N, C-alpha and C. Protein backbone atom coordinates (compact mmCIF):
# COMPACT_ATOMS: atom_id res chain seq x y z
N MET A 1 59.47 107.30 80.12
CA MET A 1 60.27 106.63 81.14
C MET A 1 61.58 107.38 81.38
N GLN A 2 62.09 108.02 80.34
CA GLN A 2 63.35 108.76 80.48
C GLN A 2 63.18 109.92 81.46
N TYR A 3 62.02 110.58 81.47
CA TYR A 3 61.80 111.71 82.36
C TYR A 3 61.72 111.26 83.82
N VAL A 4 61.14 110.11 84.04
CA VAL A 4 61.06 109.58 85.41
C VAL A 4 62.46 109.28 85.94
N SER A 5 63.28 108.65 85.13
CA SER A 5 64.64 108.36 85.58
C SER A 5 65.44 109.66 85.75
N MET A 6 65.20 110.67 84.93
CA MET A 6 65.89 111.93 85.06
C MET A 6 65.52 112.61 86.39
N VAL A 7 64.25 112.54 86.78
CA VAL A 7 63.82 113.12 88.05
C VAL A 7 64.43 112.36 89.23
N ILE A 8 64.49 111.04 89.13
CA ILE A 8 65.06 110.24 90.21
C ILE A 8 66.54 110.52 90.37
N VAL A 9 67.27 110.56 89.26
CA VAL A 9 68.71 110.87 89.33
C VAL A 9 68.91 112.30 89.83
N GLY A 10 68.07 113.23 89.38
CA GLY A 10 68.16 114.62 89.85
C GLY A 10 67.91 114.72 91.34
N LEU A 11 66.97 113.95 91.85
CA LEU A 11 66.70 113.95 93.29
C LEU A 11 67.90 113.41 94.06
N ILE A 12 68.50 112.34 93.56
CA ILE A 12 69.68 111.77 94.23
C ILE A 12 70.83 112.76 94.20
N VAL A 13 71.06 113.40 93.06
CA VAL A 13 72.14 114.38 92.95
C VAL A 13 71.87 115.57 93.87
N GLY A 14 70.63 116.05 93.90
CA GLY A 14 70.28 117.18 94.77
C GLY A 14 70.45 116.86 96.25
N ILE A 15 70.06 115.66 96.66
CA ILE A 15 70.23 115.27 98.06
C ILE A 15 71.71 115.13 98.40
N LEU A 16 72.50 114.55 97.50
CA LEU A 16 73.94 114.44 97.76
C LEU A 16 74.60 115.82 97.81
N ALA A 17 74.17 116.73 96.95
CA ALA A 17 74.73 118.08 96.97
C ALA A 17 74.38 118.78 98.28
N ARG A 18 73.16 118.61 98.76
CA ARG A 18 72.79 119.19 100.06
C ARG A 18 73.61 118.58 101.17
N PHE A 19 73.91 117.30 101.08
CA PHE A 19 74.70 116.63 102.12
C PHE A 19 76.14 117.16 102.14
N PHE A 20 76.73 117.35 100.96
CA PHE A 20 78.13 117.78 100.90
C PHE A 20 78.31 119.28 101.08
N TYR A 21 77.25 120.07 100.91
CA TYR A 21 77.36 121.52 101.05
C TYR A 21 77.53 121.85 102.53
N PRO A 22 78.52 122.69 102.89
CA PRO A 22 78.71 123.02 104.31
C PRO A 22 77.59 123.91 104.82
N GLY A 23 77.10 123.61 105.99
CA GLY A 23 76.01 124.37 106.59
C GLY A 23 74.66 123.79 106.23
N ALA A 24 73.64 124.33 106.88
CA ALA A 24 72.28 123.85 106.66
C ALA A 24 71.70 124.47 105.39
N VAL A 25 71.08 123.64 104.59
CA VAL A 25 70.40 124.09 103.37
C VAL A 25 68.94 123.73 103.55
N HIS A 26 68.09 124.76 103.68
CA HIS A 26 66.67 124.55 103.95
C HIS A 26 65.87 124.62 102.65
N MET A 27 65.56 123.45 102.11
CA MET A 27 64.68 123.36 100.94
C MET A 27 64.07 121.97 100.92
N GLY A 28 62.96 121.84 100.23
CA GLY A 28 62.23 120.58 100.18
C GLY A 28 62.77 119.63 99.13
N LEU A 29 62.10 118.49 99.02
CA LEU A 29 62.53 117.46 98.07
C LEU A 29 62.33 117.90 96.62
N ILE A 30 61.26 118.64 96.36
CA ILE A 30 61.02 119.09 94.98
C ILE A 30 62.12 120.05 94.54
N MET A 31 62.47 120.99 95.42
CA MET A 31 63.55 121.93 95.08
C MET A 31 64.88 121.20 94.95
N SER A 32 65.09 120.16 95.77
CA SER A 32 66.32 119.36 95.64
C SER A 32 66.37 118.66 94.29
N ALA A 33 65.23 118.13 93.85
CA ALA A 33 65.18 117.46 92.54
C ALA A 33 65.44 118.45 91.42
N VAL A 34 64.83 119.63 91.50
CA VAL A 34 65.03 120.66 90.46
C VAL A 34 66.49 121.09 90.44
N LEU A 35 67.06 121.29 91.62
CA LEU A 35 68.46 121.68 91.72
C LEU A 35 69.38 120.59 91.18
N GLY A 36 69.08 119.35 91.47
CA GLY A 36 69.88 118.24 90.96
C GLY A 36 69.79 118.10 89.45
N ILE A 37 68.60 118.27 88.90
CA ILE A 37 68.43 118.19 87.45
C ILE A 37 69.18 119.33 86.76
N ALA A 38 69.05 120.55 87.30
CA ALA A 38 69.75 121.70 86.72
C ALA A 38 71.27 121.52 86.83
N GLY A 39 71.73 121.04 87.98
CA GLY A 39 73.17 120.77 88.15
C GLY A 39 73.66 119.70 87.20
N SER A 40 72.81 118.70 86.95
CA SER A 40 73.18 117.64 86.02
C SER A 40 73.33 118.17 84.60
N PHE A 41 72.40 119.03 84.19
CA PHE A 41 72.49 119.58 82.85
C PHE A 41 73.72 120.47 82.68
N VAL A 42 73.91 121.39 83.61
CA VAL A 42 75.02 122.35 83.48
C VAL A 42 76.36 121.65 83.60
N ALA A 43 76.55 120.94 84.69
CA ALA A 43 77.86 120.33 84.93
C ALA A 43 78.10 119.11 84.06
N GLY A 44 77.04 118.39 83.71
CA GLY A 44 77.20 117.27 82.80
C GLY A 44 77.68 117.72 81.43
N PHE A 45 77.16 118.87 80.98
CA PHE A 45 77.61 119.43 79.71
C PHE A 45 79.08 119.83 79.78
N ILE A 46 79.46 120.49 80.87
CA ILE A 46 80.87 120.89 81.04
C ILE A 46 81.76 119.66 81.18
N GLY A 47 81.29 118.65 81.89
CA GLY A 47 82.07 117.42 82.04
C GLY A 47 82.30 116.71 80.73
N ARG A 48 81.30 116.71 79.87
CA ARG A 48 81.48 116.08 78.55
C ARG A 48 82.44 116.88 77.67
N LEU A 49 82.49 118.18 77.87
CA LEU A 49 83.46 118.98 77.12
C LEU A 49 84.89 118.69 77.57
N LEU A 50 85.07 118.53 78.88
CA LEU A 50 86.41 118.28 79.42
C LEU A 50 86.86 116.84 79.25
N HIS A 51 85.94 115.89 79.42
CA HIS A 51 86.26 114.46 79.33
C HIS A 51 85.24 113.78 78.43
N PRO A 52 85.42 113.82 77.12
CA PRO A 52 84.42 113.22 76.22
C PRO A 52 84.32 111.70 76.40
N ALA A 53 83.09 111.22 76.35
CA ALA A 53 82.86 109.78 76.47
C ALA A 53 83.12 109.11 75.12
N THR A 54 83.44 107.84 75.17
CA THR A 54 83.61 107.08 73.94
C THR A 54 82.23 106.73 73.37
N LYS A 55 82.19 106.28 72.15
CA LYS A 55 80.92 106.00 71.50
C LYS A 55 80.18 104.81 72.11
N ASP A 56 80.90 103.85 72.65
CA ASP A 56 80.24 102.67 73.22
C ASP A 56 80.01 102.79 74.73
N GLN A 57 80.19 103.98 75.29
CA GLN A 57 80.03 104.19 76.72
C GLN A 57 78.82 105.11 76.96
N PRO A 58 77.66 104.53 77.34
CA PRO A 58 76.47 105.36 77.51
C PRO A 58 76.49 106.20 78.79
N PHE A 59 77.17 105.73 79.83
CA PHE A 59 77.22 106.43 81.11
C PHE A 59 78.66 106.81 81.40
N HIS A 60 78.87 108.06 81.72
CA HIS A 60 80.22 108.55 82.02
C HIS A 60 80.28 108.86 83.51
N PRO A 61 81.10 108.14 84.29
CA PRO A 61 81.15 108.36 85.74
C PRO A 61 81.54 109.79 86.12
N ALA A 62 82.38 110.44 85.33
CA ALA A 62 82.76 111.81 85.65
C ALA A 62 81.56 112.73 85.55
N GLY A 63 80.60 112.41 84.71
CA GLY A 63 79.39 113.22 84.59
C GLY A 63 78.58 113.24 85.87
N PHE A 64 78.53 112.13 86.60
CA PHE A 64 77.80 112.08 87.86
C PHE A 64 78.48 112.95 88.91
N VAL A 65 79.81 112.87 88.98
CA VAL A 65 80.56 113.68 89.93
C VAL A 65 80.42 115.16 89.59
N TYR A 66 80.52 115.49 88.30
CA TYR A 66 80.35 116.88 87.88
C TYR A 66 78.92 117.36 88.15
N SER A 67 77.94 116.50 88.06
CA SER A 67 76.57 116.88 88.35
C SER A 67 76.41 117.27 89.81
N ILE A 68 77.04 116.53 90.71
CA ILE A 68 76.99 116.87 92.12
C ILE A 68 77.70 118.20 92.37
N LEU A 69 78.87 118.39 91.75
CA LEU A 69 79.59 119.66 91.90
C LEU A 69 78.78 120.82 91.32
N GLY A 70 78.12 120.60 90.19
CA GLY A 70 77.29 121.64 89.60
C GLY A 70 76.12 122.01 90.50
N ALA A 71 75.51 121.02 91.15
CA ALA A 71 74.41 121.29 92.06
C ALA A 71 74.91 122.05 93.29
N ILE A 72 76.12 121.75 93.76
CA ILE A 72 76.70 122.48 94.89
C ILE A 72 76.92 123.94 94.50
N VAL A 73 77.41 124.17 93.29
CA VAL A 73 77.59 125.54 92.82
C VAL A 73 76.25 126.25 92.72
N LEU A 74 75.21 125.56 92.26
CA LEU A 74 73.88 126.17 92.19
C LEU A 74 73.32 126.49 93.58
N ILE A 75 73.60 125.64 94.57
CA ILE A 75 73.20 125.94 95.95
C ILE A 75 73.89 127.21 96.41
N PHE A 76 75.19 127.32 96.14
CA PHE A 76 75.94 128.51 96.53
C PHE A 76 75.35 129.76 95.88
N LEU A 77 75.07 129.69 94.59
CA LEU A 77 74.52 130.84 93.89
C LEU A 77 73.12 131.20 94.40
N ALA A 78 72.29 130.20 94.67
CA ALA A 78 70.95 130.45 95.18
C ALA A 78 71.00 131.08 96.56
N ARG A 79 71.93 130.65 97.41
CA ARG A 79 72.06 131.24 98.73
C ARG A 79 72.64 132.64 98.65
N THR A 80 73.54 132.87 97.71
CA THR A 80 74.15 134.19 97.55
C THR A 80 73.09 135.23 97.13
N PHE A 81 72.22 134.83 96.21
CA PHE A 81 71.19 135.76 95.73
C PHE A 81 69.92 135.72 96.57
N GLY A 82 69.91 134.95 97.64
CA GLY A 82 68.78 134.93 98.56
C GLY A 82 67.56 134.17 98.08
N LEU A 83 67.75 133.24 97.17
CA LEU A 83 66.62 132.47 96.66
C LEU A 83 66.20 131.36 97.62
N ILE A 84 67.17 130.82 98.39
CA ILE A 84 66.88 129.81 99.40
C ILE A 84 67.53 130.25 100.70
N GLY A 85 67.01 129.72 101.81
CA GLY A 85 67.51 130.13 103.13
C GLY A 85 68.68 129.41 103.61
C-alpha cells in the first residue's frame, strides 16, 4: 500500500511541477509520476537535512514544497540534457 501512495503523491508532485515550470513541458503521466517520485526523494532528503521533523510529526509540510522544487529542478536538468522536449 505504501508504494501505491508513493506513486500517487509522485504523480501529484510531478503534475504540480509541470504546472509551475515556465514554458511547455511535453511528457506523459508516467514520466510525470517518475519525475515527481525522484524529486520527492532528492528534495525531501535535502529538506529533512535543512528542517528536521520532530519525532511525533510523520508528515513535514516543507518536504512537500521541497519535493515540488526538486521536481522542477529535475525538469530543468532533463530539458538541458535533451531527455525531454
